[in-house]
N, C-alpha and C. Protein backbone atom coordinates (compact mmCIF):
# COMPACT_ATOMS: atom_id res chain seq x y z
N MET A 1 -1.07 13.99 -9.23
CA MET A 1 -0.02 13.78 -8.24
C MET A 1 -0.58 12.88 -7.19
N SER A 2 0.24 11.98 -6.71
CA SER A 2 -0.15 11.12 -5.47
C SER A 2 0.02 11.82 -4.25
N GLU A 3 -0.75 11.45 -3.30
CA GLU A 3 -0.61 11.92 -1.90
C GLU A 3 -0.30 10.84 -0.96
N LEU A 4 0.67 10.99 -0.07
CA LEU A 4 1.14 9.99 0.90
C LEU A 4 0.52 10.35 2.19
N ILE A 5 -0.16 9.30 2.84
CA ILE A 5 -0.70 9.67 4.21
C ILE A 5 -0.35 8.40 4.99
N VAL A 6 0.16 8.54 6.20
CA VAL A 6 0.57 7.58 7.11
C VAL A 6 -0.28 7.65 8.32
N PHE A 7 -1.06 6.59 8.59
CA PHE A 7 -1.99 6.59 9.82
C PHE A 7 -1.46 5.70 10.87
N ALA A 8 -1.30 6.00 12.11
CA ALA A 8 -0.91 5.21 13.19
C ALA A 8 -2.00 4.76 14.10
N PHE A 9 -1.71 3.53 14.70
CA PHE A 9 -2.80 3.08 15.65
C PHE A 9 -2.07 2.41 16.86
N PRO A 10 -2.76 2.62 17.97
CA PRO A 10 -2.24 2.10 19.27
C PRO A 10 -2.02 0.48 19.39
N ASN A 11 -2.77 -0.18 18.48
CA ASN A 11 -2.73 -1.64 18.58
C ASN A 11 -2.30 -2.28 17.25
N GLU A 12 -2.02 -3.52 17.32
CA GLU A 12 -1.46 -4.18 16.11
C GLU A 12 -2.51 -4.56 15.07
N LYS A 13 -3.87 -4.47 15.39
CA LYS A 13 -4.81 -4.75 14.43
C LYS A 13 -5.47 -3.50 13.77
N GLY A 14 -5.20 -2.36 14.26
CA GLY A 14 -5.75 -1.12 13.66
C GLY A 14 -5.48 -0.94 12.22
N ALA A 15 -4.23 -1.07 11.81
CA ALA A 15 -3.90 -0.82 10.43
C ALA A 15 -4.56 -1.87 9.52
N SER A 16 -4.61 -3.17 9.88
CA SER A 16 -5.12 -4.27 9.18
C SER A 16 -6.67 -3.96 8.90
N GLU A 17 -7.31 -3.55 10.00
CA GLU A 17 -8.76 -3.32 9.92
C GLU A 17 -9.07 -2.08 8.97
N MET A 18 -8.33 -1.07 9.11
CA MET A 18 -8.47 0.09 8.29
C MET A 18 -8.19 -0.29 6.82
N ASP A 19 -7.25 -1.24 6.63
CA ASP A 19 -6.85 -1.66 5.27
C ASP A 19 -7.96 -2.42 4.60
N GLU A 20 -8.70 -3.19 5.39
CA GLU A 20 -9.99 -3.93 4.85
C GLU A 20 -11.01 -2.92 4.41
N ALA A 21 -11.18 -1.85 5.26
CA ALA A 21 -12.10 -0.77 4.81
C ALA A 21 -11.66 -0.08 3.54
N ILE A 22 -10.34 0.13 3.32
CA ILE A 22 -9.83 0.85 2.25
C ILE A 22 -10.16 -0.13 0.98
N ASN A 23 -9.94 -1.40 1.17
CA ASN A 23 -10.23 -2.33 0.02
C ASN A 23 -11.76 -2.30 -0.30
N ARG A 24 -12.65 -2.11 0.64
CA ARG A 24 -14.00 -1.98 0.22
C ARG A 24 -14.27 -0.59 -0.49
N LEU A 25 -13.61 0.46 -0.03
CA LEU A 25 -13.60 1.75 -0.62
C LEU A 25 -13.12 1.65 -2.18
N LYS A 26 -12.10 0.86 -2.34
CA LYS A 26 -11.63 0.62 -3.67
C LYS A 26 -12.50 -0.07 -4.56
N LYS A 27 -13.20 -1.08 -4.08
CA LYS A 27 -14.22 -1.72 -4.85
C LYS A 27 -15.44 -0.73 -5.24
N GLU A 28 -15.71 0.28 -4.33
CA GLU A 28 -16.83 1.22 -4.54
C GLU A 28 -16.23 2.32 -5.42
N GLN A 29 -14.93 2.31 -5.85
CA GLN A 29 -14.29 3.26 -6.65
C GLN A 29 -14.22 4.65 -6.03
N LEU A 30 -14.13 4.67 -4.71
CA LEU A 30 -13.95 6.00 -3.97
C LEU A 30 -12.52 6.31 -3.85
N ILE A 31 -11.62 5.43 -3.90
CA ILE A 31 -10.27 5.64 -3.79
C ILE A 31 -9.43 4.65 -4.67
N THR A 32 -8.35 5.36 -5.12
CA THR A 32 -7.46 4.59 -6.03
C THR A 32 -6.13 4.78 -5.45
N LEU A 33 -5.39 3.57 -5.22
CA LEU A 33 -4.09 3.55 -4.58
C LEU A 33 -2.92 3.34 -5.61
N ASP A 34 -1.86 3.97 -5.47
CA ASP A 34 -0.58 3.57 -6.12
C ASP A 34 0.10 2.47 -5.40
N ASP A 35 -0.04 2.65 -4.08
CA ASP A 35 0.71 1.66 -3.17
C ASP A 35 0.07 1.71 -1.75
N ALA A 36 0.40 0.72 -0.96
CA ALA A 36 -0.09 0.70 0.30
C ALA A 36 0.83 -0.29 1.12
N ALA A 37 0.99 -0.15 2.38
CA ALA A 37 1.86 -0.96 3.22
C ALA A 37 1.35 -0.87 4.65
N ILE A 38 1.48 -2.07 5.38
CA ILE A 38 1.05 -2.13 6.72
C ILE A 38 2.26 -2.46 7.46
N VAL A 39 2.48 -1.69 8.56
CA VAL A 39 3.62 -1.90 9.44
C VAL A 39 2.98 -2.34 10.80
N VAL A 40 3.59 -3.33 11.36
CA VAL A 40 3.20 -3.73 12.73
C VAL A 40 4.55 -3.76 13.51
N ARG A 41 4.42 -3.21 14.68
CA ARG A 41 5.56 -3.22 15.56
C ARG A 41 5.20 -4.08 16.84
N ASN A 42 5.80 -5.24 16.93
CA ASN A 42 5.39 -6.14 18.08
C ASN A 42 5.78 -5.56 19.38
N HIS A 43 5.28 -6.14 20.42
CA HIS A 43 5.61 -5.68 21.77
C HIS A 43 7.06 -5.73 22.06
N ASP A 44 7.69 -6.69 21.39
CA ASP A 44 9.24 -6.86 21.62
C ASP A 44 10.03 -5.80 20.73
N GLY A 45 9.33 -5.00 20.02
CA GLY A 45 9.91 -3.85 19.12
C GLY A 45 10.27 -4.38 17.74
N LYS A 46 10.04 -5.62 17.42
CA LYS A 46 10.34 -6.11 16.06
C LYS A 46 9.34 -5.57 15.05
N VAL A 47 9.72 -5.12 13.96
CA VAL A 47 8.88 -4.53 12.84
C VAL A 47 8.66 -5.42 11.71
N LYS A 48 7.34 -5.66 11.39
CA LYS A 48 6.99 -6.48 10.16
C LYS A 48 6.25 -5.47 9.19
N VAL A 49 6.72 -5.60 7.97
CA VAL A 49 6.12 -4.77 6.89
C VAL A 49 5.48 -5.72 5.90
N LYS A 50 4.30 -5.30 5.59
CA LYS A 50 3.47 -6.09 4.48
C LYS A 50 3.12 -5.07 3.41
N GLN A 51 3.76 -5.23 2.28
CA GLN A 51 3.49 -4.46 1.11
C GLN A 51 2.23 -4.89 0.43
N ALA A 52 1.44 -3.99 -0.07
CA ALA A 52 0.18 -4.36 -0.62
C ALA A 52 0.38 -4.73 -2.02
N VAL A 53 1.30 -4.31 -2.67
CA VAL A 53 1.55 -4.69 -4.13
C VAL A 53 2.69 -5.68 -4.28
N ASP A 54 2.42 -6.93 -4.73
CA ASP A 54 3.35 -7.98 -4.85
C ASP A 54 3.90 -7.79 -6.30
N LEU A 55 5.08 -7.19 -6.41
CA LEU A 55 5.64 -6.97 -7.81
C LEU A 55 6.21 -8.21 -8.39
N VAL A 56 6.72 -9.15 -7.59
CA VAL A 56 7.24 -10.37 -8.18
C VAL A 56 6.07 -11.12 -8.77
N GLY A 57 4.94 -11.38 -7.95
CA GLY A 57 3.76 -11.98 -8.56
C GLY A 57 3.13 -11.35 -9.78
N THR A 58 3.10 -10.10 -9.77
CA THR A 58 2.56 -9.38 -10.89
C THR A 58 3.40 -9.50 -12.08
N GLY A 59 4.74 -9.38 -11.92
CA GLY A 59 5.73 -9.54 -13.00
C GLY A 59 5.55 -10.87 -13.49
N THR A 60 5.47 -12.03 -12.67
CA THR A 60 5.45 -13.33 -13.23
C THR A 60 4.14 -13.61 -14.07
N VAL A 61 3.06 -13.17 -13.64
CA VAL A 61 1.81 -13.27 -14.39
C VAL A 61 1.95 -12.53 -15.73
N GLY A 62 2.28 -11.20 -15.58
CA GLY A 62 2.43 -10.48 -16.85
C GLY A 62 3.45 -11.07 -17.82
N GLY A 63 4.62 -11.43 -17.31
CA GLY A 63 5.60 -12.08 -18.17
C GLY A 63 5.10 -13.38 -18.80
N ALA A 64 4.49 -14.19 -18.04
CA ALA A 64 3.93 -15.44 -18.59
C ALA A 64 2.97 -15.14 -19.73
N PHE A 65 2.09 -14.15 -19.54
CA PHE A 65 1.14 -13.85 -20.64
C PHE A 65 1.88 -13.50 -21.85
N TRP A 66 2.77 -12.53 -21.85
CA TRP A 66 3.39 -12.10 -22.95
C TRP A 66 4.38 -13.05 -23.53
N GLY A 67 5.00 -13.87 -22.63
CA GLY A 67 5.78 -14.97 -23.16
C GLY A 67 5.09 -15.91 -23.95
N MET A 68 3.82 -16.37 -23.45
CA MET A 68 3.00 -17.27 -24.15
C MET A 68 2.54 -16.72 -25.48
N LEU A 69 2.16 -15.53 -25.55
CA LEU A 69 1.69 -14.86 -26.69
C LEU A 69 2.80 -14.87 -27.78
N ILE A 70 3.95 -14.44 -27.31
CA ILE A 70 5.22 -14.48 -28.28
C ILE A 70 5.45 -15.94 -28.72
N GLY A 71 5.33 -16.87 -27.73
CA GLY A 71 5.69 -18.31 -28.01
C GLY A 71 4.71 -18.65 -28.94
N LEU A 72 3.41 -18.33 -29.05
CA LEU A 72 2.41 -18.82 -29.95
C LEU A 72 2.81 -18.35 -31.43
N LEU A 73 3.48 -17.18 -31.56
CA LEU A 73 3.84 -16.72 -32.88
C LEU A 73 4.93 -17.66 -33.41
N PHE A 74 5.66 -18.31 -32.51
CA PHE A 74 6.79 -19.08 -32.97
C PHE A 74 6.49 -20.58 -32.79
N TRP A 75 5.29 -20.95 -32.45
CA TRP A 75 4.84 -22.46 -32.18
C TRP A 75 5.39 -23.03 -30.98
N MET A 76 5.76 -22.29 -29.96
CA MET A 76 6.36 -22.75 -28.75
C MET A 76 5.77 -22.01 -27.51
N PRO A 77 4.48 -22.13 -27.38
CA PRO A 77 3.77 -21.29 -26.30
C PRO A 77 4.23 -21.66 -24.89
N TRP A 78 4.59 -22.82 -24.63
CA TRP A 78 4.92 -23.30 -23.24
C TRP A 78 6.40 -22.82 -22.97
N LEU A 79 7.33 -22.88 -23.88
CA LEU A 79 8.57 -22.37 -23.67
C LEU A 79 8.54 -20.80 -23.45
N GLY A 80 7.78 -20.20 -24.44
CA GLY A 80 7.61 -18.76 -24.32
C GLY A 80 7.03 -18.36 -22.99
N MET A 81 6.02 -19.07 -22.45
CA MET A 81 5.43 -18.77 -21.20
C MET A 81 6.45 -18.92 -20.03
N ALA A 82 7.26 -20.00 -20.05
CA ALA A 82 8.17 -20.21 -19.06
C ALA A 82 9.23 -19.04 -18.95
N VAL A 83 9.74 -18.80 -20.20
CA VAL A 83 10.76 -17.72 -20.23
C VAL A 83 10.13 -16.34 -19.83
N GLY A 84 9.05 -16.11 -20.33
CA GLY A 84 8.30 -14.81 -19.95
C GLY A 84 8.07 -14.74 -18.39
N ALA A 85 7.58 -15.93 -17.78
CA ALA A 85 7.34 -15.77 -16.37
C ALA A 85 8.60 -15.55 -15.54
N ILE A 86 9.69 -16.27 -16.00
CA ILE A 86 10.99 -15.94 -15.28
C ILE A 86 11.44 -14.59 -15.46
N THR A 87 11.36 -14.02 -16.72
CA THR A 87 11.83 -12.75 -16.86
C THR A 87 10.87 -11.79 -16.20
N GLY A 88 9.58 -11.96 -16.22
CA GLY A 88 8.69 -11.04 -15.36
C GLY A 88 8.90 -11.06 -13.97
N ALA A 89 9.21 -12.30 -13.38
CA ALA A 89 9.52 -12.36 -11.86
C ALA A 89 10.72 -11.57 -11.54
N ILE A 90 11.81 -11.78 -12.46
CA ILE A 90 13.08 -10.96 -12.27
C ILE A 90 12.81 -9.60 -12.22
N ALA A 91 12.08 -9.16 -13.29
CA ALA A 91 11.73 -7.71 -13.47
C ALA A 91 10.97 -7.11 -12.23
N GLY A 92 9.98 -7.85 -11.77
CA GLY A 92 9.25 -7.58 -10.58
C GLY A 92 10.11 -7.41 -9.32
N LYS A 93 11.02 -8.25 -9.15
CA LYS A 93 11.90 -8.27 -7.92
C LYS A 93 12.80 -6.98 -8.04
N LEU A 94 13.24 -6.64 -9.27
CA LEU A 94 14.13 -5.47 -9.22
C LEU A 94 13.48 -4.16 -9.46
N THR A 95 12.17 -4.20 -9.68
CA THR A 95 11.30 -2.90 -9.77
C THR A 95 10.88 -2.53 -8.34
N ASP A 96 11.09 -1.26 -8.07
CA ASP A 96 10.67 -0.72 -6.77
C ASP A 96 9.98 0.67 -7.05
N TYR A 97 8.66 0.66 -7.00
CA TYR A 97 8.00 1.87 -7.18
C TYR A 97 6.97 2.08 -5.98
N GLY A 98 6.38 3.18 -5.97
CA GLY A 98 5.48 3.42 -4.77
C GLY A 98 6.13 4.05 -3.62
N ILE A 99 5.81 3.48 -2.38
CA ILE A 99 6.27 4.10 -1.19
C ILE A 99 7.71 3.49 -1.08
N ASN A 100 8.69 4.44 -0.69
CA ASN A 100 10.03 3.99 -0.51
C ASN A 100 10.21 3.12 0.73
N ASP A 101 10.89 2.03 0.59
CA ASP A 101 11.11 1.05 1.64
C ASP A 101 11.85 1.70 2.80
N ASP A 102 12.94 2.48 2.52
CA ASP A 102 13.65 3.12 3.59
C ASP A 102 12.68 4.10 4.45
N PHE A 103 11.86 4.81 3.72
CA PHE A 103 10.86 5.63 4.40
C PHE A 103 9.93 4.94 5.35
N ILE A 104 9.49 3.87 4.78
CA ILE A 104 8.55 2.96 5.61
C ILE A 104 9.23 2.44 6.89
N HIS A 105 10.53 2.14 6.82
CA HIS A 105 11.13 1.54 7.95
C HIS A 105 11.57 2.72 8.88
N GLU A 106 11.85 3.97 8.37
CA GLU A 106 12.20 5.08 9.15
C GLU A 106 10.93 5.44 10.05
N VAL A 107 9.84 5.51 9.37
CA VAL A 107 8.54 5.90 10.12
C VAL A 107 8.20 4.68 11.13
N ALA A 108 8.38 3.53 10.56
CA ALA A 108 8.06 2.29 11.50
C ALA A 108 8.75 2.31 12.94
N GLU A 109 10.02 2.96 12.89
CA GLU A 109 10.76 2.99 14.13
C GLU A 109 10.14 4.03 15.16
N THR A 110 9.21 4.95 14.72
CA THR A 110 8.59 5.94 15.59
C THR A 110 7.26 5.33 16.09
N ILE A 111 6.96 4.15 15.67
CA ILE A 111 5.62 3.56 16.11
C ILE A 111 5.90 2.98 17.50
N GLU A 112 5.11 3.02 18.49
CA GLU A 112 5.20 2.40 19.72
C GLU A 112 5.05 0.95 19.59
N PRO A 113 5.76 0.17 20.45
CA PRO A 113 5.76 -1.27 20.44
C PRO A 113 4.30 -1.60 20.78
N GLY A 114 3.68 -2.60 20.01
CA GLY A 114 2.35 -2.98 20.11
C GLY A 114 1.40 -2.30 19.25
N GLY A 115 1.97 -1.36 18.39
CA GLY A 115 1.19 -0.46 17.51
C GLY A 115 1.32 -0.83 16.07
N SER A 116 0.59 -0.23 15.32
CA SER A 116 0.66 -0.49 13.79
C SER A 116 0.44 0.85 13.02
N ALA A 117 0.84 0.79 11.76
CA ALA A 117 0.59 1.98 10.76
C ALA A 117 0.18 1.50 9.41
N LEU A 118 -0.64 2.31 8.81
CA LEU A 118 -0.91 2.08 7.41
C LEU A 118 -0.57 3.25 6.54
N PHE A 119 0.30 2.90 5.50
CA PHE A 119 0.78 3.77 4.57
C PHE A 119 -0.02 3.72 3.35
N LEU A 120 -0.52 4.82 2.86
CA LEU A 120 -1.30 4.92 1.61
C LEU A 120 -0.69 5.92 0.72
N LEU A 121 -0.53 5.52 -0.48
CA LEU A 121 -0.08 6.44 -1.60
C LEU A 121 -1.36 6.46 -2.52
N ILE A 122 -1.97 7.53 -2.39
CA ILE A 122 -3.33 7.79 -3.05
C ILE A 122 -3.22 8.65 -4.28
N SER A 123 -3.64 7.96 -5.29
CA SER A 123 -3.60 8.69 -6.68
C SER A 123 -4.94 9.52 -6.96
N LYS A 124 -5.99 8.91 -6.35
CA LYS A 124 -7.31 9.66 -6.61
C LYS A 124 -8.22 9.19 -5.50
N TRP A 125 -9.06 10.09 -4.92
CA TRP A 125 -10.08 9.70 -3.92
C TRP A 125 -11.19 10.79 -3.84
N THR A 126 -12.32 10.26 -3.44
CA THR A 126 -13.43 11.17 -3.03
C THR A 126 -13.18 11.46 -1.57
N GLU A 127 -12.54 12.42 -1.27
CA GLU A 127 -12.02 12.76 0.06
C GLU A 127 -13.16 12.77 1.09
N ASP A 128 -14.20 13.51 0.86
CA ASP A 128 -15.15 13.57 1.94
C ASP A 128 -15.85 12.14 2.31
N LYS A 129 -16.15 11.40 1.36
CA LYS A 129 -16.78 10.10 1.53
C LYS A 129 -15.79 9.12 2.19
N VAL A 130 -14.51 9.14 1.74
CA VAL A 130 -13.54 8.26 2.39
C VAL A 130 -13.17 8.66 3.76
N LEU A 131 -13.13 9.91 4.04
CA LEU A 131 -12.85 10.38 5.38
C LEU A 131 -13.98 10.09 6.40
N ASP A 132 -15.31 10.13 5.92
CA ASP A 132 -16.38 9.78 6.68
C ASP A 132 -16.28 8.35 7.15
N GLN A 133 -15.98 7.45 6.20
CA GLN A 133 -15.91 6.01 6.48
C GLN A 133 -14.62 5.64 7.32
N LEU A 134 -13.59 6.35 7.26
CA LEU A 134 -12.41 6.06 8.03
C LEU A 134 -12.37 6.67 9.40
N ALA A 135 -13.17 7.70 9.59
CA ALA A 135 -13.19 8.32 10.84
C ALA A 135 -13.46 7.35 11.99
N THR A 136 -14.14 6.26 11.85
CA THR A 136 -14.46 5.36 12.91
C THR A 136 -13.27 4.58 13.49
N PHE A 137 -12.16 4.57 12.61
CA PHE A 137 -10.94 3.92 13.09
C PHE A 137 -10.09 4.78 14.04
N ASN A 138 -10.40 6.11 14.12
CA ASN A 138 -9.72 7.01 14.96
C ASN A 138 -8.19 6.98 14.88
N PRO A 139 -7.68 7.01 13.58
CA PRO A 139 -6.33 6.90 13.54
C PRO A 139 -5.55 8.20 13.83
N LYS A 140 -4.31 8.05 14.12
CA LYS A 140 -3.44 9.32 14.22
C LYS A 140 -2.72 9.55 12.95
N VAL A 141 -2.76 10.67 12.39
CA VAL A 141 -2.12 11.09 11.21
C VAL A 141 -0.59 11.38 11.57
N VAL A 142 0.33 10.70 11.15
CA VAL A 142 1.74 10.96 11.53
C VAL A 142 2.62 11.51 10.38
N ARG A 143 2.22 11.31 9.17
CA ARG A 143 2.99 11.89 8.11
C ARG A 143 2.05 12.12 6.90
N THR A 144 2.29 13.13 6.12
CA THR A 144 1.50 13.33 4.87
C THR A 144 2.44 14.03 3.83
N SER A 145 2.11 14.08 2.64
CA SER A 145 2.57 14.87 1.62
C SER A 145 1.71 15.97 1.27
N LEU A 146 0.65 16.14 2.09
CA LEU A 146 -0.41 17.21 1.86
C LEU A 146 0.07 18.51 2.16
N SER A 147 -0.55 19.70 1.71
CA SER A 147 -0.17 20.93 2.22
C SER A 147 -0.64 21.11 3.62
N LYS A 148 0.00 22.07 4.34
CA LYS A 148 -0.25 22.31 5.79
C LYS A 148 -1.84 22.42 5.98
N GLU A 149 -2.49 23.05 5.14
CA GLU A 149 -3.97 23.42 5.12
C GLU A 149 -4.67 22.11 5.09
N GLU A 150 -4.39 21.25 3.99
CA GLU A 150 -5.04 19.96 3.78
C GLU A 150 -4.74 19.06 4.92
N GLU A 151 -3.49 19.07 5.43
CA GLU A 151 -3.17 18.21 6.57
C GLU A 151 -4.04 18.57 7.77
N HIS A 152 -4.17 19.81 8.00
CA HIS A 152 -5.05 20.30 9.15
C HIS A 152 -6.44 19.87 9.06
N LYS A 153 -6.98 19.89 7.77
CA LYS A 153 -8.36 19.47 7.61
C LYS A 153 -8.47 17.89 7.83
N LEU A 154 -7.42 17.24 7.50
CA LEU A 154 -7.46 15.74 7.60
C LEU A 154 -7.41 15.36 9.15
N LYS A 155 -6.55 16.07 9.87
CA LYS A 155 -6.43 15.77 11.22
C LYS A 155 -7.82 16.17 11.97
N ALA A 156 -8.41 17.22 11.53
CA ALA A 156 -9.65 17.70 12.11
C ALA A 156 -10.72 16.71 11.92
N ALA A 157 -10.63 16.02 10.68
CA ALA A 157 -11.71 15.10 10.31
C ALA A 157 -11.69 13.91 11.24
N PHE A 158 -10.51 13.56 11.83
CA PHE A 158 -10.39 12.46 12.65
C PHE A 158 -10.35 12.88 14.11
N GLY A 159 -10.65 14.09 14.41
CA GLY A 159 -10.85 14.61 15.74
C GLY A 159 -9.81 14.24 16.74
N ALA A 160 -9.95 13.26 17.50
CA ALA A 160 -9.00 12.88 18.51
C ALA A 160 -7.73 12.33 17.97
N GLY A 161 -7.64 12.09 16.61
CA GLY A 161 -6.49 11.56 15.98
C GLY A 161 -5.44 12.54 15.87
N GLU A 162 -5.52 13.77 16.28
CA GLU A 162 -4.54 14.75 16.17
C GLU A 162 -3.27 14.45 16.92
């Protein structure tokens, strides 16, 4: 089961900086994400959302591969690749999994102007090692799908982030 955790930061760069650390942790195989998003609320109150998973690009590449493979069977690899890429891009555009967009925008409205948030949908993690490395960012935990006990431990791990 995946766990959703939303971290808030008082500045616009906090979520991006923590996201870079998360990417390093992914390379070390300490955390596996189903989805992630960064939300920045400008000083004028305007919200920008950056999804970590580009479904259109992923669908295009996957569709092109399968289209080319099928095209090879019928001696038309370029046509198959083109049709597969278009089909994959459309499928990627219509597919929405991971963190619900409406939820992201709902929570984004609670972020102070000039602040940011990092949404993580975690499928697997080495909790103690990940928390040790993320504690330096001093985030505020604003939402989780964890049990109350696990959420309390998470907030305690970040000390002032409660």
